[in-house]
Every structure is written in C-alpha cells, then in structure tokens.
N, C-alpha and C. Protein backbone atom coordinates (compact mmCIF):
# COMPACT_ATOMS: atom_id res chain seq x y z
N UNK A 1 -0.54 28.94 1.76
CA UNK A 1 -0.69 28.05 2.80
C UNK A 1 1.10 28.61 3.11
N UNK A 2 1.17 28.57 4.76
CA UNK A 2 2.60 29.00 4.99
C UNK A 2 3.07 27.67 5.44
N UNK A 3 4.18 27.28 6.40
CA UNK A 3 4.70 25.88 6.61
C UNK A 3 4.17 26.06 8.34
N UNK A 4 4.20 27.36 8.95
CA UNK A 4 3.60 27.19 10.45
C UNK A 4 2.00 26.72 10.18
N UNK A 5 1.47 26.90 9.24
CA UNK A 5 -0.17 26.05 8.68
C UNK A 5 -0.21 25.03 9.22
N UNK A 6 0.92 24.64 8.99
CA UNK A 6 0.91 22.94 8.72
C UNK A 6 1.15 22.16 10.25
N UNK A 7 0.36 21.54 10.78
CA UNK A 7 -0.16 20.62 12.15
C UNK A 7 0.47 19.08 12.00
N UNK A 8 0.99 18.64 12.76
CA UNK A 8 1.48 17.23 12.69
C UNK A 8 -0.25 16.56 12.83
N UNK A 9 0.17 15.32 11.71
CA UNK A 9 -1.26 14.61 11.28
C UNK A 9 -2.18 15.49 10.38
N UNK A 10 -1.55 16.07 9.66
CA UNK A 10 -2.59 17.09 8.28
C UNK A 10 -1.95 15.75 7.68
N UNK A 11 -2.82 15.66 6.28
CA UNK A 11 -2.58 14.68 5.10
C UNK A 11 -3.40 15.56 4.24
N UNK A 12 -2.60 15.23 2.96
CA UNK A 12 -3.51 16.10 1.69
C UNK A 12 -3.38 14.88 0.73
N UNK A 13 -4.36 14.82 0.19
CA UNK A 13 -5.17 14.22 -0.96
C UNK A 13 -4.55 14.70 -2.36
N UNK A 14 -3.35 14.04 -3.20
CA UNK A 14 -3.36 14.87 -4.31
C UNK A 14 -3.08 13.74 -5.31
N UNK A 15 -2.97 14.30 -6.18
CA UNK A 15 -2.97 12.67 -7.61
C UNK A 15 -1.22 12.11 -7.48
N UNK A 16 -0.86 11.43 -7.81
CA UNK A 16 0.80 11.25 -8.04
C UNK A 16 1.46 12.11 -8.62
N UNK A 17 2.51 12.41 -8.36
CA UNK A 17 3.44 13.07 -9.55
C UNK A 17 4.21 11.92 -9.81
N UNK A 18 4.31 12.32 -11.23
CA UNK A 18 4.90 11.53 -12.25
C UNK A 18 6.34 11.92 -12.89
N UNK A 19 7.51 11.73 -12.84
CA UNK A 19 8.85 12.67 -13.20
C UNK A 19 9.06 11.57 -14.42
N UNK A 20 8.83 12.41 -15.66
CA UNK A 20 9.48 11.07 -16.53
C UNK A 20 10.91 11.26 -16.84
N UNK A 21 11.27 10.22 -17.47
CA UNK A 21 13.03 10.41 -17.10
C UNK A 21 14.13 11.20 -18.07
N UNK A 22 13.15 11.58 -19.52
CA UNK A 22 13.78 12.15 -20.22
C UNK A 22 13.97 13.94 -19.97
N UNK A 23 12.73 14.07 -19.09
CA UNK A 23 12.38 15.54 -18.57
C UNK A 23 13.58 15.56 -17.51
N UNK A 24 13.85 14.66 -16.90
CA UNK A 24 14.36 15.02 -15.46
C UNK A 24 15.89 14.76 -15.80
N UNK A 25 16.27 14.11 -16.64
CA UNK A 25 17.67 14.13 -17.29
C UNK A 25 17.84 15.41 -17.95
N UNK A 26 17.12 16.06 -18.77
CA UNK A 26 17.70 17.53 -18.96
C UNK A 26 17.22 18.07 -17.83
N UNK A 27 16.50 18.26 -16.74
CA UNK A 27 16.35 18.97 -15.75
C UNK A 27 17.85 18.64 -14.76
N UNK A 28 18.20 17.79 -14.93
CA UNK A 28 19.67 17.42 -13.96
C UNK A 28 21.09 18.13 -14.95
N UNK A 29 20.51 17.80 -16.20
CA UNK A 29 21.93 18.31 -16.93
C UNK A 29 21.78 19.95 -16.72
N UNK A 30 20.78 20.84 -17.14
CA UNK A 30 21.09 21.41 -16.45
C UNK A 30 21.24 22.70 -15.19
N UNK A 31 20.46 21.82 -14.28
CA UNK A 31 20.72 22.41 -12.60
C UNK A 31 20.91 21.55 -11.71
N UNK A 32 21.19 20.17 -11.81
CA UNK A 32 22.14 19.65 -11.24
C UNK A 32 22.57 18.39 -11.76
N UNK A 33 23.69 18.94 -12.55
CA UNK A 33 24.52 18.14 -13.37
C UNK A 33 25.82 17.06 -12.17
N UNK A 34 24.90 16.00 -11.44
CA UNK A 34 26.20 15.13 -11.01
C UNK A 34 25.16 13.69 -11.36
N UNK A 35 26.24 12.91 -11.30
CA UNK A 35 25.92 11.31 -11.75
C UNK A 35 24.77 10.66 -11.37
N UNK A 36 24.34 10.65 -10.08
CA UNK A 36 23.18 10.20 -9.49
C UNK A 36 21.93 10.42 -10.40
N UNK A 37 22.04 11.70 -10.96
CA UNK A 37 20.88 11.93 -11.70
C UNK A 37 20.71 11.66 -13.27
N UNK A 38 22.19 11.76 -13.83
CA UNK A 38 22.73 11.58 -15.24
C UNK A 38 23.31 10.42 -15.97
N UNK A 39 23.98 9.64 -14.70
CA UNK A 39 24.57 8.55 -15.07
C UNK A 39 24.81 7.48 -15.09
N UNK A 40 23.46 6.49 -15.73
CA UNK A 40 23.03 5.34 -15.31
C UNK A 40 23.86 4.43 -14.82
N UNK A 41 24.97 3.86 -15.31
CA UNK A 41 26.06 3.61 -15.23
C UNK A 41 26.74 3.55 -13.32
N UNK A 42 26.71 4.79 -13.13
CA UNK A 42 26.85 5.09 -12.26
C UNK A 42 26.12 5.11 -10.75
N UNK A 43 24.93 5.58 -10.94
CA UNK A 43 23.71 5.32 -10.34
C UNK A 43 23.63 3.87 -9.81
N UNK A 44 23.25 2.89 -11.12
CA UNK A 44 23.70 1.50 -10.51
C UNK A 44 24.48 1.21 -9.40
N UNK A 45 25.70 1.70 -9.15
CA UNK A 45 26.64 1.49 -7.58
C UNK A 45 26.40 2.49 -6.83
N UNK A 46 24.95 2.64 -6.69
CA UNK A 46 24.62 3.45 -5.71
C UNK A 46 23.55 2.66 -4.84
N UNK A 47 23.55 3.29 -3.65
CA UNK A 47 22.13 2.14 -2.69
C UNK A 47 20.96 2.20 -3.06
N UNK A 48 20.69 3.54 -4.30
CA UNK A 48 19.46 3.43 -4.84
C UNK A 48 19.35 2.59 -6.09
N UNK A 49 20.10 2.17 -6.99
CA UNK A 49 20.58 1.20 -7.79
C UNK A 49 19.57 1.74 -9.27
N UNK A 50 19.66 2.86 -9.00
CA UNK A 50 19.02 3.69 -10.47
C UNK A 50 19.42 5.29 -10.24
N UNK A 51 18.86 5.90 -11.62
CA UNK A 51 19.61 6.99 -11.63
C UNK A 51 18.13 7.52 -10.34
N UNK A 52 18.13 8.92 -9.99
CA UNK A 52 16.93 9.55 -9.10
C UNK A 52 16.92 10.71 -9.24
N UNK A 53 15.96 11.38 -9.52
CA UNK A 53 15.61 12.93 -9.61
C UNK A 53 16.11 13.84 -8.83
N UNK A 54 16.36 14.88 -9.29
CA UNK A 54 17.02 15.99 -8.19
C UNK A 54 16.52 16.50 -7.42
N UNK A 55 16.33 16.53 -5.73
CA UNK A 55 15.18 16.98 -5.03
C UNK A 55 14.76 17.92 -5.49
N UNK A 56 15.11 19.01 -6.39
CA UNK A 56 14.29 20.48 -5.85
C UNK A 56 13.46 19.90 -7.13
N UNK A 57 13.43 19.29 -7.65
CA UNK A 57 12.52 18.62 -8.97
C UNK A 57 11.58 17.98 -8.67
N UNK A 58 11.90 17.04 -7.70
CA UNK A 58 10.92 16.42 -6.96
C UNK A 58 9.98 17.30 -6.15
N UNK A 59 10.52 18.00 -5.28
CA UNK A 59 9.76 18.91 -4.81
C UNK A 59 8.82 19.63 -5.54
N UNK A 60 9.12 20.53 -6.57
CA UNK A 60 8.41 20.92 -7.72
C UNK A 60 7.06 20.03 -8.11
N UNK A 61 7.78 18.94 -8.48
CA UNK A 61 6.68 18.19 -8.92
C UNK A 61 5.34 18.28 -8.06
N UNK A 62 5.49 17.72 -6.74
CA UNK A 62 4.95 17.31 -5.93
C UNK A 62 4.28 18.73 -5.94
N UNK A 63 4.82 20.26 -5.48
CA UNK A 63 3.96 21.45 -5.09
C UNK A 63 2.91 21.45 -5.89
N UNK A 64 3.41 21.06 -7.24
CA UNK A 64 2.48 21.39 -8.87
C UNK A 64 1.02 20.62 -8.33
N UNK A 65 1.24 19.61 -7.79
CA UNK A 65 0.03 18.46 -7.48
C UNK A 65 -0.41 19.28 -6.29
N UNK A 66 0.08 19.74 -5.48
CA UNK A 66 -0.86 20.10 -4.32
C UNK A 66 -1.57 21.52 -4.87
N UNK A 67 -1.05 22.38 -6.04
CA UNK A 67 -1.92 23.70 -5.94
C UNK A 67 -2.76 23.21 -6.87
N UNK A 68 -2.86 21.97 -7.73
CA UNK A 68 -4.34 21.36 -8.40
C UNK A 68 -5.37 21.52 -7.43
N UNK A 69 -5.31 20.75 -6.10
CA UNK A 69 -6.24 20.66 -5.40
C UNK A 69 -6.88 22.10 -4.36
N UNK A 70 -5.53 23.06 -4.27
CA UNK A 70 -5.91 24.22 -3.35
C UNK A 70 -7.01 25.04 -4.11
C-alpha cells in the first residue's frame, strides 16, 4: 500500500498493538534515549503523566498489526 492509496474515511480493523514497558524502555535507551521514554520521575512531571513509547516504535507496532491483515 502506498500513502496515495489511502482515501479519507478509510478504516482498517486491526488487533490492538500492545507495547510492553521493558521492551519499550530497552528500545528507547538504544534509539531515542530521552527522559519522557526512560525516566519515570521526569515523565510524571509532563502533561502525559507517565512514560510514553517513542513515536517510531509506536508506528512500527501498529504497522506490524496492519501487515497481519494484509
């Protein structure tokens, strides 16, 4: 699928993408080592209030679920 193939209103039914904390932190430490991903005390002071997964990791987890349906 190419980006241009997606039309407004397109929906896809995929399984939920679950990111385990330990895997997320290992990924973040290696590829996106910033406090919002790796420091729980710091993350509590942000608008998110907790650790968040790196965007690239989140995208790839959802992409993997998408490929399961293709």
